All heavy atoms as atom14 arrays in JSON, in Angstrom:
{
  "sequence": "GNTAELVEQADMVIGAVLIPGAEAPKLITRAQLSDMKPGAA",
  "atom14_mask": [
    [1, 1, 1, 1, 0, 0, 0, 0, 0, 0, 0, 0, 0, 0],
    [1, 1, 1, 1, 1, 1, 1, 1, 0, 0, 0, 0, 0, 0],
    [1, 1, 1, 1, 1, 1, 1, 0, 0, 0, 0, 0, 0, 0],
    [1, 1, 1, 1, 1, 0, 0, 0, 0, 0, 0, 0, 0, 0],
    [1, 1, 1, 1, 1, 1, 1, 1, 1, 0, 0, 0, 0, 0],
    [1, 1, 1, 1, 1, 1, 1, 1, 0, 0, 0, 0, 0, 0],
    [1, 1, 1, 1, 1, 1, 1, 0, 0, 0, 0, 0, 0, 0],
    [1, 1, 1, 1, 1, 1, 1, 1, 1, 0, 0, 0, 0, 0],
    [1, 1, 1, 1, 1, 1, 1, 1, 1, 0, 0, 0, 0, 0],
    [1, 1, 1, 1, 1, 0, 0, 0, 0, 0, 0, 0, 0, 0],
    [1, 1, 1, 1, 1, 1, 1, 1, 0, 0, 0, 0, 0, 0],
    [1, 1, 1, 1, 1, 1, 1, 1, 0, 0, 0, 0, 0, 0],
    [1, 1, 1, 1, 1, 1, 1, 0, 0, 0, 0, 0, 0, 0],
    [1, 1, 1, 1, 1, 1, 1, 1, 0, 0, 0, 0, 0, 0],
    [1, 1, 1, 1, 0, 0, 0, 0, 0, 0, 0, 0, 0, 0],
    [1, 1, 1, 1, 1, 0, 0, 0, 0, 0, 0, 0, 0, 0],
    [1, 1, 1, 1, 1, 1, 1, 0, 0, 0, 0, 0, 0, 0],
    [1, 1, 1, 1, 1, 1, 1, 1, 0, 0, 0, 0, 0, 0],
    [1, 1, 1, 1, 1, 1, 1, 1, 0, 0, 0, 0, 0, 0],
    [1, 1, 1, 1, 1, 1, 1, 0, 0, 0, 0, 0, 0, 0],
    [1, 1, 1, 1, 0, 0, 0, 0, 0, 0, 0, 0, 0, 0],
    [1, 1, 1, 1, 1, 0, 0, 0, 0, 0, 0, 0, 0, 0],
    [1, 1, 1, 1, 1, 1, 1, 1, 1, 0, 0, 0, 0, 0],
    [1, 1, 1, 1, 1, 0, 0, 0, 0, 0, 0, 0, 0, 0],
    [1, 1, 1, 1, 1, 1, 1, 0, 0, 0, 0, 0, 0, 0],
    [1, 1, 1, 1, 1, 1, 1, 1, 1, 0, 0, 0, 0, 0],
    [1, 1, 1, 1, 1, 1, 1, 1, 0, 0, 0, 0, 0, 0],
    [1, 1, 1, 1, 1, 1, 1, 1, 0, 0, 0, 0, 0, 0],
    [1, 1, 1, 1, 1, 1, 1, 0, 0, 0, 0, 0, 0, 0],
    [1, 1, 1, 1, 1, 1, 1, 1, 1, 1, 1, 0, 0, 0],
    [1, 1, 1, 1, 1, 0, 0, 0, 0, 0, 0, 0, 0, 0],
    [1, 1, 1, 1, 1, 1, 1, 1, 1, 0, 0, 0, 0, 0],
    [1, 1, 1, 1, 1, 1, 1, 1, 0, 0, 0, 0, 0, 0],
    [1, 1, 1, 1, 1, 1, 0, 0, 0, 0, 0, 0, 0, 0],
    [1, 1, 1, 1, 1, 1, 1, 1, 0, 0, 0, 0, 0, 0],
    [1, 1, 1, 1, 1, 1, 1, 1, 0, 0, 0, 0, 0, 0],
    [1, 1, 1, 1, 1, 1, 1, 1, 1, 0, 0, 0, 0, 0],
    [1, 1, 1, 1, 1, 1, 1, 0, 0, 0, 0, 0, 0, 0],
    [1, 1, 1, 1, 0, 0, 0, 0, 0, 0, 0, 0, 0, 0],
    [1, 1, 1, 1, 1, 0, 0, 0, 0, 0, 0, 0, 0, 0],
    [1, 1, 1, 1, 1, 0, 0, 0, 0, 0, 0, 0, 0, 0]
  ],
  "atom14_positions": [
    [[10.09, -0.85, 5.57], [10.22, 0.5, 6.13], [10.0, 1.57, 5.12], [9.25, 2.53, 5.33], [0.0, 0.0, 0.0], [0.0, 0.0, 0.0], [0.0, 0.0, 0.0], [0.0, 0.0, 0.0], [0.0, 0.0, 0.0], [0.0, 0.0, 0.0], [0.0, 0.0, 0.0], [0.0, 0.0, 0.0], [0.0, 0.0, 0.0], [0.0, 0.0, 0.0]],
    [[10.68, 1.47, 3.96], [10.51, 2.46, 2.89], [9.06, 2.5, 2.4], [8.5, 3.57, 2.19], [11.43, 2.11, 1.71], [12.86, 2.55, 1.92], [13.14, 3.34, 2.82], [13.75, 2.04, 1.1], [0.0, 0.0, 0.0], [0.0, 0.0, 0.0], [0.0, 0.0, 0.0], [0.0, 0.0, 0.0], [0.0, 0.0, 0.0], [0.0, 0.0, 0.0]],
    [[8.49, 1.32, 2.21], [7.11, 1.25, 1.71], [6.17, 1.93, 2.68], [5.33, 2.75, 2.3], [6.7, -0.2, 1.49], [7.59, -0.82, 0.55], [5.26, -0.29, 0.97], [0.0, 0.0, 0.0], [0.0, 0.0, 0.0], [0.0, 0.0, 0.0], [0.0, 0.0, 0.0], [0.0, 0.0, 0.0], [0.0, 0.0, 0.0], [0.0, 0.0, 0.0]],
    [[6.27, 1.62, 3.98], [5.39, 2.21, 4.98], [5.53, 3.72, 5.02], [4.54, 4.45, 5.08], [5.69, 1.6, 6.35], [0.0, 0.0, 0.0], [0.0, 0.0, 0.0], [0.0, 0.0, 0.0], [0.0, 0.0, 0.0], [0.0, 0.0, 0.0], [0.0, 0.0, 0.0], [0.0, 0.0, 0.0], [0.0, 0.0, 0.0], [0.0, 0.0, 0.0]],
    [[6.74, 4.21, 4.96], [6.99, 5.66, 5.03], [6.39, 6.38, 3.83], [5.73, 7.42, 3.98], [8.5, 5.93, 5.12], [8.84, 7.42, 5.23], [10.34, 7.65, 5.33], [11.1, 6.69, 5.48], [10.73, 8.84, 5.25], [0.0, 0.0, 0.0], [0.0, 0.0, 0.0], [0.0, 0.0, 0.0], [0.0, 0.0, 0.0], [0.0, 0.0, 0.0]],
    [[6.61, 5.82, 2.64], [6.11, 6.48, 1.43], [4.59, 6.38, 1.33], [3.94, 7.33, 0.87], [6.76, 5.84, 0.19], [8.23, 6.23, -0.01], [8.9, 5.34, -1.03], [8.34, 7.69, -0.44], [0.0, 0.0, 0.0], [0.0, 0.0, 0.0], [0.0, 0.0, 0.0], [0.0, 0.0, 0.0], [0.0, 0.0, 0.0], [0.0, 0.0, 0.0]],
    [[4.02, 5.26, 1.78], [2.55, 5.11, 1.76], [1.9, 6.14, 2.69], [0.84, 6.72, 2.36], [2.16, 3.68, 2.13], [0.68, 3.57, 2.47], [2.5, 2.73, 0.98], [0.0, 0.0, 0.0], [0.0, 0.0, 0.0], [0.0, 0.0, 0.0], [0.0, 0.0, 0.0], [0.0, 0.0, 0.0], [0.0, 0.0, 0.0], [0.0, 0.0, 0.0]],
    [[2.5, 6.41, 3.84], [1.95, 7.4, 4.76], [1.9, 8.79, 4.12], [1.0, 9.59, 4.4], [2.81, 7.45, 6.04], [2.67, 6.26, 6.95], [3.56, 6.36, 8.16], [4.03, 7.5, 8.48], [3.84, 5.34, 8.79], [0.0, 0.0, 0.0], [0.0, 0.0, 0.0], [0.0, 0.0, 0.0], [0.0, 0.0, 0.0], [0.0, 0.0, 0.0]],
    [[2.89, 9.09, 3.25], [2.96, 10.42, 2.64], [2.14, 10.54, 1.37], [1.94, 11.63, 0.85], [4.44, 10.73, 2.32], [5.35, 10.73, 3.52], [6.82, 10.73, 3.11], [7.16, 10.76, 1.91], [7.71, 10.71, 4.09], [0.0, 0.0, 0.0], [0.0, 0.0, 0.0], [0.0, 0.0, 0.0], [0.0, 0.0, 0.0], [0.0, 0.0, 0.0]],
    [[1.66, 9.41, 0.84], [1.05, 9.38, -0.49], [-0.38, 9.9, -0.52], [-1.17, 9.7, 0.42], [1.08, 7.96, -1.03], [0.0, 0.0, 0.0], [0.0, 0.0, 0.0], [0.0, 0.0, 0.0], [0.0, 0.0, 0.0], [0.0, 0.0, 0.0], [0.0, 0.0, 0.0], [0.0, 0.0, 0.0], [0.0, 0.0, 0.0], [0.0, 0.0, 0.0]],
    [[-0.71, 10.54, -1.63], [-2.1, 10.83, -1.94], [-2.73, 9.67, -2.71], [-3.93, 9.44, -2.6], [-2.2, 12.1, -2.77], [-1.66, 13.31, -2.05], [-2.25, 13.68, -1.01], [-0.64, 13.87, -2.49], [0.0, 0.0, 0.0], [0.0, 0.0, 0.0], [0.0, 0.0, 0.0], [0.0, 0.0, 0.0], [0.0, 0.0, 0.0], [0.0, 0.0, 0.0]],
    [[-1.9, 8.95, -3.46], [-2.38, 7.8, -4.25], [-1.33, 6.71, -4.19], [-0.13, 6.98, -4.33], [-2.62, 8.21, -5.7], [-3.15, 7.1, -6.58], [-3.09, 7.51, -8.37], [-3.97, 9.06, -8.39], [0.0, 0.0, 0.0], [0.0, 0.0, 0.0], [0.0, 0.0, 0.0], [0.0, 0.0, 0.0], [0.0, 0.0, 0.0], [0.0, 0.0, 0.0]],
    [[-1.78, 5.48, -4.0], [-0.91, 4.3, -4.07], [-1.47, 3.38, -5.14], [-2.65, 3.0, -5.1], [-0.82, 3.56, -2.73], [0.09, 2.34, -2.86], [-0.32, 4.5, -1.62], [0.0, 0.0, 0.0], [0.0, 0.0, 0.0], [0.0, 0.0, 0.0], [0.0, 0.0, 0.0], [0.0, 0.0, 0.0], [0.0, 0.0, 0.0], [0.0, 0.0, 0.0]],
    [[-0.62, 2.99, -6.09], [-1.01, 2.08, -7.15], [-0.32, 0.75, -6.89], [0.92, 0.69, -6.87], [-0.63, 2.62, -8.54], [-1.41, 3.93, -8.82], [-0.92, 1.59, -9.63], [-0.96, 4.64, -10.08], [0.0, 0.0, 0.0], [0.0, 0.0, 0.0], [0.0, 0.0, 0.0], [0.0, 0.0, 0.0], [0.0, 0.0, 0.0], [0.0, 0.0, 0.0]],
    [[-1.11, -0.3, -6.68], [-0.57, -1.65, -6.46], [-0.37, -2.34, -7.79], [-1.32, -2.61, -8.49], [0.0, 0.0, 0.0], [0.0, 0.0, 0.0], [0.0, 0.0, 0.0], [0.0, 0.0, 0.0], [0.0, 0.0, 0.0], [0.0, 0.0, 0.0], [0.0, 0.0, 0.0], [0.0, 0.0, 0.0], [0.0, 0.0, 0.0], [0.0, 0.0, 0.0]],
    [[0.89, -2.63, -8.12], [1.21, -3.16, -9.45], [2.13, -4.37, -9.33], [3.01, -4.54, -10.16], [1.86, -2.06, -10.3], [0.0, 0.0, 0.0], [0.0, 0.0, 0.0], [0.0, 0.0, 0.0], [0.0, 0.0, 0.0], [0.0, 0.0, 0.0], [0.0, 0.0, 0.0], [0.0, 0.0, 0.0], [0.0, 0.0, 0.0], [0.0, 0.0, 0.0]],
    [[1.94, -5.18, -8.31], [2.82, -6.35, -8.13], [2.24, -7.56, -8.83], [1.03, -7.7, -8.98], [3.03, -6.68, -6.64], [3.76, -5.54, -5.95], [1.71, -6.95, -5.95], [0.0, 0.0, 0.0], [0.0, 0.0, 0.0], [0.0, 0.0, 0.0], [0.0, 0.0, 0.0], [0.0, 0.0, 0.0], [0.0, 0.0, 0.0], [0.0, 0.0, 0.0]],
    [[3.13, -8.47, -9.25], [2.7, -9.69, -9.94], [3.67, -10.82, -9.62], [4.86, -10.68, -9.77], [2.66, -9.49, -11.45], [2.37, -10.72, -12.27], [0.93, -11.18, -12.1], [2.67, -10.48, -13.75], [0.0, 0.0, 0.0], [0.0, 0.0, 0.0], [0.0, 0.0, 0.0], [0.0, 0.0, 0.0], [0.0, 0.0, 0.0], [0.0, 0.0, 0.0]],
    [[3.12, -11.93, -9.16], [3.83, -13.2, -9.12], [3.09, -14.09, -10.11], [1.94, -14.45, -9.88], [3.82, -13.82, -7.72], [4.47, -12.84, -6.72], [4.55, -15.16, -7.71], [4.38, -13.31, -5.28], [0.0, 0.0, 0.0], [0.0, 0.0, 0.0], [0.0, 0.0, 0.0], [0.0, 0.0, 0.0], [0.0, 0.0, 0.0], [0.0, 0.0, 0.0]],
    [[3.71, -14.43, -11.26], [2.97, -15.09, -12.34], [2.13, -16.27, -11.87], [2.64, -17.22, -11.29], [4.1, -15.52, -13.3], [5.16, -14.5, -13.08], [5.12, -14.19, -11.61], [0.0, 0.0, 0.0], [0.0, 0.0, 0.0], [0.0, 0.0, 0.0], [0.0, 0.0, 0.0], [0.0, 0.0, 0.0], [0.0, 0.0, 0.0], [0.0, 0.0, 0.0]],
    [[0.84, -16.19, -12.16], [-0.08, -17.27, -11.86], [-0.42, -17.47, -10.41], [-1.28, -18.29, -10.08], [0.0, 0.0, 0.0], [0.0, 0.0, 0.0], [0.0, 0.0, 0.0], [0.0, 0.0, 0.0], [0.0, 0.0, 0.0], [0.0, 0.0, 0.0], [0.0, 0.0, 0.0], [0.0, 0.0, 0.0], [0.0, 0.0, 0.0], [0.0, 0.0, 0.0]],
    [[0.22, -16.71, -9.52], [0.04, -16.9, -8.08], [-0.79, -15.8, -7.48], [-1.01, -14.75, -8.1], [1.39, -16.99, -7.38], [0.0, 0.0, 0.0], [0.0, 0.0, 0.0], [0.0, 0.0, 0.0], [0.0, 0.0, 0.0], [0.0, 0.0, 0.0], [0.0, 0.0, 0.0], [0.0, 0.0, 0.0], [0.0, 0.0, 0.0], [0.0, 0.0, 0.0]],
    [[-1.25, -16.02, -6.25], [-2.0, -15.0, -5.55], [-1.07, -13.84, -5.19], [0.09, -14.04, -4.8], [-2.62, -15.58, -4.29], [-3.67, -14.66, -3.67], [-4.52, -15.39, -2.64], [-4.26, -16.56, -2.36], [-5.48, -14.75, -2.14], [0.0, 0.0, 0.0], [0.0, 0.0, 0.0], [0.0, 0.0, 0.0], [0.0, 0.0, 0.0], [0.0, 0.0, 0.0]],
    [[-1.56, -12.62, -5.34], [-0.73, -11.44, -5.09], [-0.42, -11.33, -3.6], [-1.28, -11.61, -2.76], [-1.46, -10.17, -5.56], [0.0, 0.0, 0.0], [0.0, 0.0, 0.0], [0.0, 0.0, 0.0], [0.0, 0.0, 0.0], [0.0, 0.0, 0.0], [0.0, 0.0, 0.0], [0.0, 0.0, 0.0], [0.0, 0.0, 0.0], [0.0, 0.0, 0.0]],
    [[0.8, -10.91, -3.25], [1.12, -10.69, -1.84], [0.41, -9.46, -1.31], [0.14, -8.51, -2.03], [2.64, -10.48, -1.85], [2.92, -9.91, -3.22], [1.93, -10.57, -4.13], [0.0, 0.0, 0.0], [0.0, 0.0, 0.0], [0.0, 0.0, 0.0], [0.0, 0.0, 0.0], [0.0, 0.0, 0.0], [0.0, 0.0, 0.0], [0.0, 0.0, 0.0]],
    [[0.07, -9.47, -0.02], [-0.6, -8.33, 0.6], [0.45, -7.36, 1.14], [1.17, -7.68, 2.09], [-1.52, -8.82, 1.73], [-2.6, -9.79, 1.25], [-3.56, -9.13, 0.27], [-4.72, -10.05, -0.14], [-4.32, -11.03, -1.16], [0.0, 0.0, 0.0], [0.0, 0.0, 0.0], [0.0, 0.0, 0.0], [0.0, 0.0, 0.0], [0.0, 0.0, 0.0]],
    [[0.53, -6.2, 0.53], [1.62, -5.27, 0.81], [1.22, -4.11, 1.72], [2.07, -3.45, 2.3], [2.16, -4.7, -0.52], [2.68, -5.77, -1.49], [3.12, -5.13, -2.76], [3.82, -6.57, -0.87], [0.0, 0.0, 0.0], [0.0, 0.0, 0.0], [0.0, 0.0, 0.0], [0.0, 0.0, 0.0], [0.0, 0.0, 0.0], [0.0, 0.0, 0.0]],
    [[-0.07, -3.86, 1.84], [-0.58, -2.83, 2.76], [-1.66, -3.46, 3.62], [-2.64, -3.99, 3.1], [-1.11, -1.59, 2.03], [0.01, -0.91, 1.23], [-1.75, -0.61, 3.0], [-0.46, 0.31, 0.46], [0.0, 0.0, 0.0], [0.0, 0.0, 0.0], [0.0, 0.0, 0.0], [0.0, 0.0, 0.0], [0.0, 0.0, 0.0], [0.0, 0.0, 0.0]],
    [[-1.48, -3.43, 4.92], [-2.43, -4.02, 5.84], [-3.52, -3.01, 6.2], [-3.38, -1.81, 5.99], [-1.75, -4.48, 7.12], [-1.26, -3.31, 7.83], [-0.57, -5.41, 6.84], [0.0, 0.0, 0.0], [0.0, 0.0, 0.0], [0.0, 0.0, 0.0], [0.0, 0.0, 0.0], [0.0, 0.0, 0.0], [0.0, 0.0, 0.0], [0.0, 0.0, 0.0]],
    [[-4.59, -3.54, 6.77], [-5.67, -2.64, 7.22], [-5.17, -1.68, 8.29], [-5.54, -0.51, 8.31], [-6.87, -3.43, 7.74], [-8.0, -2.56, 8.22], [-9.3, -3.23, 8.34], [-10.38, -2.26, 8.58], [-11.64, -2.48, 8.32], [-12.04, -3.62, 7.83], [-12.56, -1.54, 8.55], [0.0, 0.0, 0.0], [0.0, 0.0, 0.0], [0.0, 0.0, 0.0]],
    [[-4.31, -2.17, 9.17], [-3.77, -1.31, 10.24], [-3.04, -0.1, 9.67], [-3.05, 0.98, 10.27], [-2.85, -2.13, 11.13], [0.0, 0.0, 0.0], [0.0, 0.0, 0.0], [0.0, 0.0, 0.0], [0.0, 0.0, 0.0], [0.0, 0.0, 0.0], [0.0, 0.0, 0.0], [0.0, 0.0, 0.0], [0.0, 0.0, 0.0], [0.0, 0.0, 0.0]],
    [[-2.39, -0.27, 8.51], [-1.63, 0.83, 7.92], [-2.53, 1.93, 7.38], [-2.08, 3.08, 7.22], [-0.75, 0.31, 6.78], [0.48, -0.46, 7.24], [1.3, -0.98, 6.08], [1.02, -2.04, 5.55], [2.3, -0.22, 5.67], [0.0, 0.0, 0.0], [0.0, 0.0, 0.0], [0.0, 0.0, 0.0], [0.0, 0.0, 0.0], [0.0, 0.0, 0.0]],
    [[-3.8, 1.63, 7.13], [-4.68, 2.66, 6.59], [-4.81, 3.83, 7.54], [-4.97, 4.99, 7.11], [-6.08, 2.07, 6.29], [-6.15, 0.91, 5.29], [-7.62, 0.6, 4.99], [-5.4, 1.2, 4.01], [0.0, 0.0, 0.0], [0.0, 0.0, 0.0], [0.0, 0.0, 0.0], [0.0, 0.0, 0.0], [0.0, 0.0, 0.0], [0.0, 0.0, 0.0]],
    [[-4.75, 3.56, 8.83], [-4.89, 4.64, 9.81], [-3.73, 5.61, 9.78], [-3.85, 6.74, 10.29], [-5.05, 4.05, 11.23], [-3.9, 3.33, 11.59], [0.0, 0.0, 0.0], [0.0, 0.0, 0.0], [0.0, 0.0, 0.0], [0.0, 0.0, 0.0], [0.0, 0.0, 0.0], [0.0, 0.0, 0.0], [0.0, 0.0, 0.0], [0.0, 0.0, 0.0]],
    [[-2.62, 5.22, 9.19], [-1.44, 6.09, 9.09], [-1.45, 6.89, 7.8], [-0.6, 7.77, 7.62], [-0.15, 5.27, 9.16], [0.03, 4.56, 10.5], [-0.36, 5.15, 11.53], [0.55, 3.45, 10.5], [0.0, 0.0, 0.0], [0.0, 0.0, 0.0], [0.0, 0.0, 0.0], [0.0, 0.0, 0.0], [0.0, 0.0, 0.0], [0.0, 0.0, 0.0]],
    [[-2.39, 6.59, 6.89], [-2.42, 7.28, 5.62], [-3.22, 8.58, 5.72], [-3.96, 8.81, 6.67], [-3.04, 6.37, 4.55], [-2.23, 5.13, 4.24], [-3.0, 4.09, 2.97], [-2.86, 5.18, 1.53], [0.0, 0.0, 0.0], [0.0, 0.0, 0.0], [0.0, 0.0, 0.0], [0.0, 0.0, 0.0], [0.0, 0.0, 0.0], [0.0, 0.0, 0.0]],
    [[-3.05, 9.44, 4.71], [-3.8, 10.68, 4.66], [-5.29, 10.38, 4.4], [-5.62, 9.59, 3.52], [-3.29, 11.56, 3.53], [-1.83, 11.99, 3.67], [-1.41, 12.79, 2.43], [0.02, 13.24, 2.52], [0.44, 13.97, 1.29], [0.0, 0.0, 0.0], [0.0, 0.0, 0.0], [0.0, 0.0, 0.0], [0.0, 0.0, 0.0], [0.0, 0.0, 0.0]],
    [[-6.19, 10.97, 5.16], [-7.62, 10.76, 4.92], [-7.99, 11.1, 3.49], [-7.59, 12.15, 2.96], [-8.3, 11.72, 5.91], [-7.29, 11.91, 6.98], [-5.95, 11.88, 6.31], [0.0, 0.0, 0.0], [0.0, 0.0, 0.0], [0.0, 0.0, 0.0], [0.0, 0.0, 0.0], [0.0, 0.0, 0.0], [0.0, 0.0, 0.0], [0.0, 0.0, 0.0]],
    [[-8.74, 10.21, 2.84], [-9.15, 10.45, 1.48], [-8.14, 10.03, 0.42], [-8.36, 10.21, -0.77], [0.0, 0.0, 0.0], [0.0, 0.0, 0.0], [0.0, 0.0, 0.0], [0.0, 0.0, 0.0], [0.0, 0.0, 0.0], [0.0, 0.0, 0.0], [0.0, 0.0, 0.0], [0.0, 0.0, 0.0], [0.0, 0.0, 0.0], [0.0, 0.0, 0.0]],
    [[-7.02, 9.46, 0.85], [-6.04, 8.96, -0.1], [-6.66, 7.82, -0.92], [-7.62, 7.18, -0.5], [-4.78, 8.46, 0.62], [0.0, 0.0, 0.0], [0.0, 0.0, 0.0], [0.0, 0.0, 0.0], [0.0, 0.0, 0.0], [0.0, 0.0, 0.0], [0.0, 0.0, 0.0], [0.0, 0.0, 0.0], [0.0, 0.0, 0.0], [0.0, 0.0, 0.0]],
    [[-6.11, 7.57, -2.11], [-6.66, 6.57, -3.02], [-5.74, 5.38, -3.15], [-4.52, 5.55, -3.34], [-6.9, 7.19, -4.4], [0.0, 0.0, 0.0], [0.0, 0.0, 0.0], [0.0, 0.0, 0.0], [0.0, 0.0, 0.0], [0.0, 0.0, 0.0], [0.0, 0.0, 0.0], [0.0, 0.0, 0.0], [0.0, 0.0, 0.0], [0.0, 0.0, 0.0]]
  ]
}
């Protein structure tokens, strides 16, 4: 919930997650892009 709310308000989101040696978890879905500000990075 917090992540979704803050991502909607953001001009820029920096993905900086790490699980050592493993594939990174997907934290923002394509569906969430429609809730973001147009032109956000």
